[in-house]
């Protein structure tokens, strides 16, 4: 039902987890996909091969989104290959432990650099082109931690809460140009980022019991709502904070 044939999408952090599932789902919907990755090219090459098997074009681009020069270079590389970017999924992010009073500055800055600055750098580089074309879709992946906070992860929660405000601000600012901006806020997701902590059976059971739907989401559970927000089915939705957490947080 969702047909995005011919659209060009950039997915940051697109080689693993939510980003990987999102990249593949967009390819299935007819998009050409540019995948950003930060370190290992193996997973990115694997996703590229799967996308090309679906008959779509794929670019893989190494860039540290916390560095403005990397982001601007990445965007230039995409524009050299394609005539524009129709959809941006700002997914790259990290989740680390940090106890207040014992958290060093580098931990705080690393999280803010990737989770928050990276989204700003990507949007700032791509929006002028979208404005010129009077169209575009920006989707930002935040977290339920940005809504309710998260003890021992205050730096992560702060970065994700800022993304919610950023989404609402851009939605108003860019609407006159036909650009929609929305946000997806996952709860627990079974990805590499959470693998260590969810490997404890007792902890995992406790998490499952805390979720009204009694299951931890997988990456496809998040990719589906992202695809929906990028489609014409959501053409009258902008500034929305879409919770995808099995009912564990019921506010936006």
Protein backbone atom coordinates (compact mmCIF):
# COMPACT_ATOMS: atom_id res chain seq x y z
CA UNK A 1 0.00 0.00 0.00
CA UNK A 2 2.93 2.35 0.69
CA UNK A 3 4.68 3.12 -2.57
CA UNK A 4 7.69 5.44 -2.49
CA UNK A 5 9.10 4.43 -5.85
CA UNK A 6 11.85 6.76 -7.02
CA UNK A 7 12.27 8.56 -3.70
CA UNK A 8 15.75 9.04 -2.28
CA UNK A 9 16.25 8.47 1.45
CA UNK A 10 19.20 8.99 3.79
CA UNK A 11 19.28 6.85 6.94
CA UNK A 12 21.93 7.76 9.50
CA UNK A 13 23.16 4.82 11.52
CA UNK A 14 21.64 2.72 8.75
CA UNK A 15 23.79 -0.40 8.94
CA UNK A 16 22.47 -1.98 12.14
CA UNK A 17 19.40 -2.27 14.34
CA UNK A 18 16.59 0.17 13.69
CA UNK A 19 18.56 1.83 10.91
CA UNK A 20 19.11 -1.44 9.06
CA UNK A 21 15.45 -2.46 9.32
CA UNK A 22 14.39 1.00 8.18
CA UNK A 23 16.76 0.99 5.21
CA UNK A 24 15.44 -2.37 4.01
CA UNK A 25 11.80 -1.40 4.49
CA UNK A 26 12.27 1.80 2.48
CA UNK A 27 13.94 -0.21 -0.28
CA UNK A 28 10.99 -2.61 -0.32
CA UNK A 29 8.74 0.44 -0.74
CA UNK A 30 10.71 1.49 -3.84
CA UNK A 31 13.29 3.93 -2.45
CA UNK A 32 16.93 4.29 -3.30
CA UNK A 33 18.75 4.35 0.03
CA UNK A 34 21.89 6.12 1.29
CA UNK A 35 23.22 4.43 4.41
CA UNK A 36 25.46 6.28 6.83
CA UNK A 37 27.71 4.31 9.17
CA UNK A 38 30.39 5.40 11.63
CA UNK A 39 32.96 2.62 11.96
CA UNK A 40 32.63 -0.89 10.47
CA UNK A 41 31.82 -1.12 6.77
CA UNK A 42 30.96 -4.83 6.84
CA UNK A 43 27.38 -4.44 8.10
CA UNK A 44 26.81 -1.51 5.72
CA UNK A 45 28.00 -3.58 2.76
CA UNK A 46 25.65 -6.38 3.81
CA UNK A 47 22.66 -4.04 3.88
CA UNK A 48 23.71 -2.58 0.53
CA UNK A 49 23.74 -6.05 -1.01
CA UNK A 50 20.24 -6.77 0.31
CA UNK A 51 18.92 -3.45 -1.03
CA UNK A 52 20.44 -4.09 -4.45
CA UNK A 53 18.83 -7.54 -4.50
CA UNK A 54 15.52 -5.67 -4.20
CA UNK A 55 16.42 -3.77 -7.38
CA UNK A 56 17.13 -0.44 -5.68
CA UNK A 57 20.27 1.68 -5.65
CA UNK A 58 22.26 2.05 -2.44
CA UNK A 59 25.05 4.36 -1.32
CA UNK A 60 27.10 3.63 1.79
CA UNK A 61 28.82 6.58 3.40
CA UNK A 62 31.19 6.61 6.34
CA UNK A 63 30.75 9.71 8.50
CA UNK A 64 30.86 10.64 12.17
CA UNK A 65 27.65 12.65 12.50
CA UNK A 66 29.05 14.46 15.54
CA UNK A 67 31.54 16.19 13.21
CA UNK A 68 30.13 18.90 10.97
CA UNK A 69 32.83 18.45 8.32
CA UNK A 70 32.00 14.74 8.04
CA UNK A 71 28.30 15.47 7.66
CA UNK A 72 28.78 18.19 5.06
CA UNK A 73 31.11 15.92 3.07
CA UNK A 74 28.58 13.09 3.25
CA UNK A 75 25.74 15.28 2.01
CA UNK A 76 27.89 16.59 -0.86
CA UNK A 77 28.69 13.01 -1.86
CA UNK A 78 25.00 12.17 -2.00
CA UNK A 79 24.17 15.24 -4.07
CA UNK A 80 26.97 14.33 -6.48
CA UNK A 81 25.24 10.99 -7.12
CA UNK A 82 21.59 12.01 -6.81
CA UNK A 83 19.67 15.15 -7.65
CA UNK A 84 18.34 15.47 -4.12
CA UNK A 85 17.23 13.78 -0.91
CA UNK A 86 13.49 13.37 -0.40
CA UNK A 87 13.49 11.74 3.04
CA UNK A 88 15.91 11.90 5.95
CA UNK A 89 15.78 9.47 8.86
CA UNK A 90 17.96 10.75 11.70
CA UNK A 91 18.58 7.49 13.51
CA UNK A 92 22.26 7.47 14.56
CA UNK A 93 22.65 7.42 18.31
CA UNK A 94 24.41 5.93 21.34
CA UNK A 95 23.25 4.84 24.81
CA UNK A 96 25.84 4.76 27.58
CA UNK A 97 25.82 4.63 31.37
CA UNK A 98 26.41 7.83 33.30
CA UNK A 99 25.79 8.40 37.01
CA UNK A 100 25.40 12.07 37.84
CA UNK A 101 28.17 13.27 40.13
CA UNK A 102 30.51 10.69 38.63
CA UNK A 103 30.01 11.33 34.91
CA UNK A 104 32.97 12.82 33.11
CA UNK A 105 32.66 15.58 30.56
CA UNK A 106 33.71 13.36 27.66
CA UNK A 107 30.77 10.99 28.27
CA UNK A 108 28.32 13.88 28.26
CA UNK A 109 29.83 15.50 25.18
CA UNK A 110 30.05 12.26 23.21
CA UNK A 111 26.34 11.60 23.73
CA UNK A 112 25.30 15.14 22.90
CA UNK A 113 27.60 15.17 19.89
CA UNK A 114 26.15 12.07 18.26
CA UNK A 115 22.56 12.11 19.48
CA UNK A 116 21.81 15.83 19.24
CA UNK A 117 24.48 17.73 17.31
CA UNK A 118 24.45 15.04 14.63
CA UNK A 119 20.75 15.58 13.93
CA UNK A 120 21.28 19.34 13.73
CA UNK A 121 24.23 18.99 11.34
CA UNK A 122 22.32 16.65 9.01
CA UNK A 123 19.17 18.79 8.96
CA UNK A 124 21.14 22.00 8.54
CA UNK A 125 22.97 20.57 5.54
CA UNK A 126 19.93 19.10 3.78
CA UNK A 127 17.09 21.53 4.51
CA UNK A 128 18.20 24.23 2.02
CA UNK A 129 17.82 21.74 -0.83
CA UNK A 130 14.42 20.64 0.48
CA UNK A 131 13.31 24.25 0.78
CA UNK A 132 14.31 24.91 -2.80
CA UNK A 133 12.25 21.93 -3.93
CA UNK A 134 9.29 22.85 -1.69
CA UNK A 135 9.04 19.32 -0.34
CA UNK A 136 10.69 16.84 1.97
CA UNK A 137 10.23 14.59 4.97
CA UNK A 138 12.43 14.57 8.07
CA UNK A 139 12.00 11.85 10.68
CA UNK A 140 13.91 11.94 13.95
CA UNK A 141 14.37 8.90 16.17
CA UNK A 142 14.19 9.94 19.82
CA UNK A 143 13.31 7.72 22.80
CA UNK A 144 10.79 7.34 25.58
CA UNK A 145 13.69 8.37 27.82
CA UNK A 146 13.32 11.83 26.32
CA UNK A 147 9.76 11.97 27.62
CA UNK A 148 10.01 10.44 31.08
CA UNK A 149 13.74 10.64 31.84
CA UNK A 150 16.01 7.74 32.71
CA UNK A 151 18.04 7.36 35.89
CA UNK A 152 21.77 6.74 35.31
CA UNK A 153 21.30 7.78 31.69
CA UNK A 154 20.47 11.47 32.19
CA UNK A 155 22.79 12.51 29.36
CA UNK A 156 21.00 10.18 26.96
CA UNK A 157 17.54 11.31 28.15
CA UNK A 158 18.55 14.96 27.84
CA UNK A 159 19.74 14.48 24.27
CA UNK A 160 16.56 12.65 23.29
CA UNK A 161 14.30 15.18 25.03
CA UNK A 162 16.00 17.94 23.06
CA UNK A 163 15.18 16.09 19.84
CA UNK A 164 11.49 16.20 20.70
CA UNK A 165 11.60 19.99 21.05
CA UNK A 166 13.73 20.22 17.90
CA UNK A 167 11.12 18.21 15.98
CA UNK A 168 8.25 20.45 17.05
CA UNK A 169 10.22 23.59 16.26
CA UNK A 170 11.27 22.46 12.78
CA UNK A 171 7.76 21.26 11.99
CA UNK A 172 6.42 24.78 12.41
CA UNK A 173 9.36 26.46 10.73
CA UNK A 174 9.45 24.23 7.65
CA UNK A 175 5.73 23.64 7.04
CA UNK A 176 5.46 26.65 4.68
CA UNK A 177 7.99 24.91 2.43
CA UNK A 178 6.04 21.67 2.24
CA UNK A 179 8.49 19.88 4.54
CA UNK A 180 7.05 17.59 7.21
CA UNK A 181 9.02 16.83 10.39
CA UNK A 182 8.03 14.06 12.78
CA UNK A 183 9.58 12.03 15.57
CA UNK A 184 9.39 8.37 16.59
CA UNK A 185 10.12 7.53 20.23
CA UNK A 186 10.89 3.85 20.77
CA UNK A 187 10.96 2.18 24.16
CA UNK A 188 13.03 -0.96 24.63
CA UNK A 189 14.19 -2.42 21.31
CA UNK A 190 16.02 -5.72 20.86
CA UNK A 191 19.15 -4.39 19.13
CA UNK A 192 22.92 -4.59 19.57
CA UNK A 193 22.79 -1.41 21.67
CA UNK A 194 20.74 -3.19 24.36
CA UNK A 195 22.08 -6.71 23.85
CA UNK A 196 24.26 -6.86 26.96
CA UNK A 197 21.65 -5.72 29.44
CA UNK A 198 18.82 -7.70 27.84
CA UNK A 199 20.94 -10.86 27.90
CA UNK A 200 20.15 -11.16 31.63
CA UNK A 201 17.00 -13.36 31.67
CA UNK A 202 15.67 -11.89 34.92
CA UNK A 203 16.15 -8.31 33.73
CA UNK A 204 14.59 -9.10 30.37
CA UNK A 205 11.58 -10.69 32.04
CA UNK A 206 11.14 -7.61 34.22
CA UNK A 207 11.22 -5.34 31.17
CA UNK A 208 8.65 -7.49 29.37
CA UNK A 209 6.36 -7.43 32.39
CA UNK A 210 6.59 -3.63 32.55
CA UNK A 211 5.27 -3.28 28.99
CA UNK A 212 1.46 -3.55 28.62
CA UNK A 213 1.84 -5.58 25.39
CA UNK A 214 4.29 -7.87 27.25
CA UNK A 215 6.97 -7.95 24.59
CA UNK A 216 10.15 -6.07 23.69
CA UNK A 217 9.97 -4.58 20.21
CA UNK A 218 12.27 -5.61 17.40
CA UNK A 219 13.76 -3.16 14.88
CA UNK A 220 11.01 -3.77 12.30
CA UNK A 221 8.42 -2.65 14.88
CA UNK A 222 10.07 0.78 14.79
CA UNK A 223 10.85 0.84 11.06
CA UNK A 224 7.17 0.40 10.16
CA UNK A 225 5.99 3.60 11.87
CA UNK A 226 8.97 5.46 10.36
CA UNK A 227 7.92 4.30 6.88
CA UNK A 228 4.33 5.35 7.59
CA UNK A 229 5.38 8.85 8.62
CA UNK A 230 7.39 9.18 5.40
CA UNK A 231 4.46 8.16 3.23
CA UNK A 232 1.49 10.04 1.81
CA UNK A 233 -0.69 8.25 4.36
CA UNK A 234 0.83 10.73 6.84
CA UNK A 235 0.68 13.75 4.53
CA UNK A 236 -1.29 15.80 7.12
CA UNK A 237 0.94 14.85 10.05
CA UNK A 238 3.79 17.10 11.15
CA UNK A 239 5.26 17.88 14.55
CA UNK A 240 4.04 14.52 15.86
CA UNK A 241 5.81 12.53 18.57
CA UNK A 242 4.83 8.93 17.86
CA UNK A 243 5.44 6.60 20.79
CA UNK A 244 6.27 3.03 19.76
CA UNK A 245 6.73 1.27 23.08
CA UNK A 246 3.96 -1.26 23.58
CA UNK A 247 2.04 1.14 25.80
CA UNK A 248 4.77 1.64 28.40
CA UNK A 249 4.69 5.43 28.05
CA UNK A 250 1.36 7.00 27.12
CA UNK A 251 2.20 10.59 26.37
CA UNK A 252 3.93 12.64 23.70
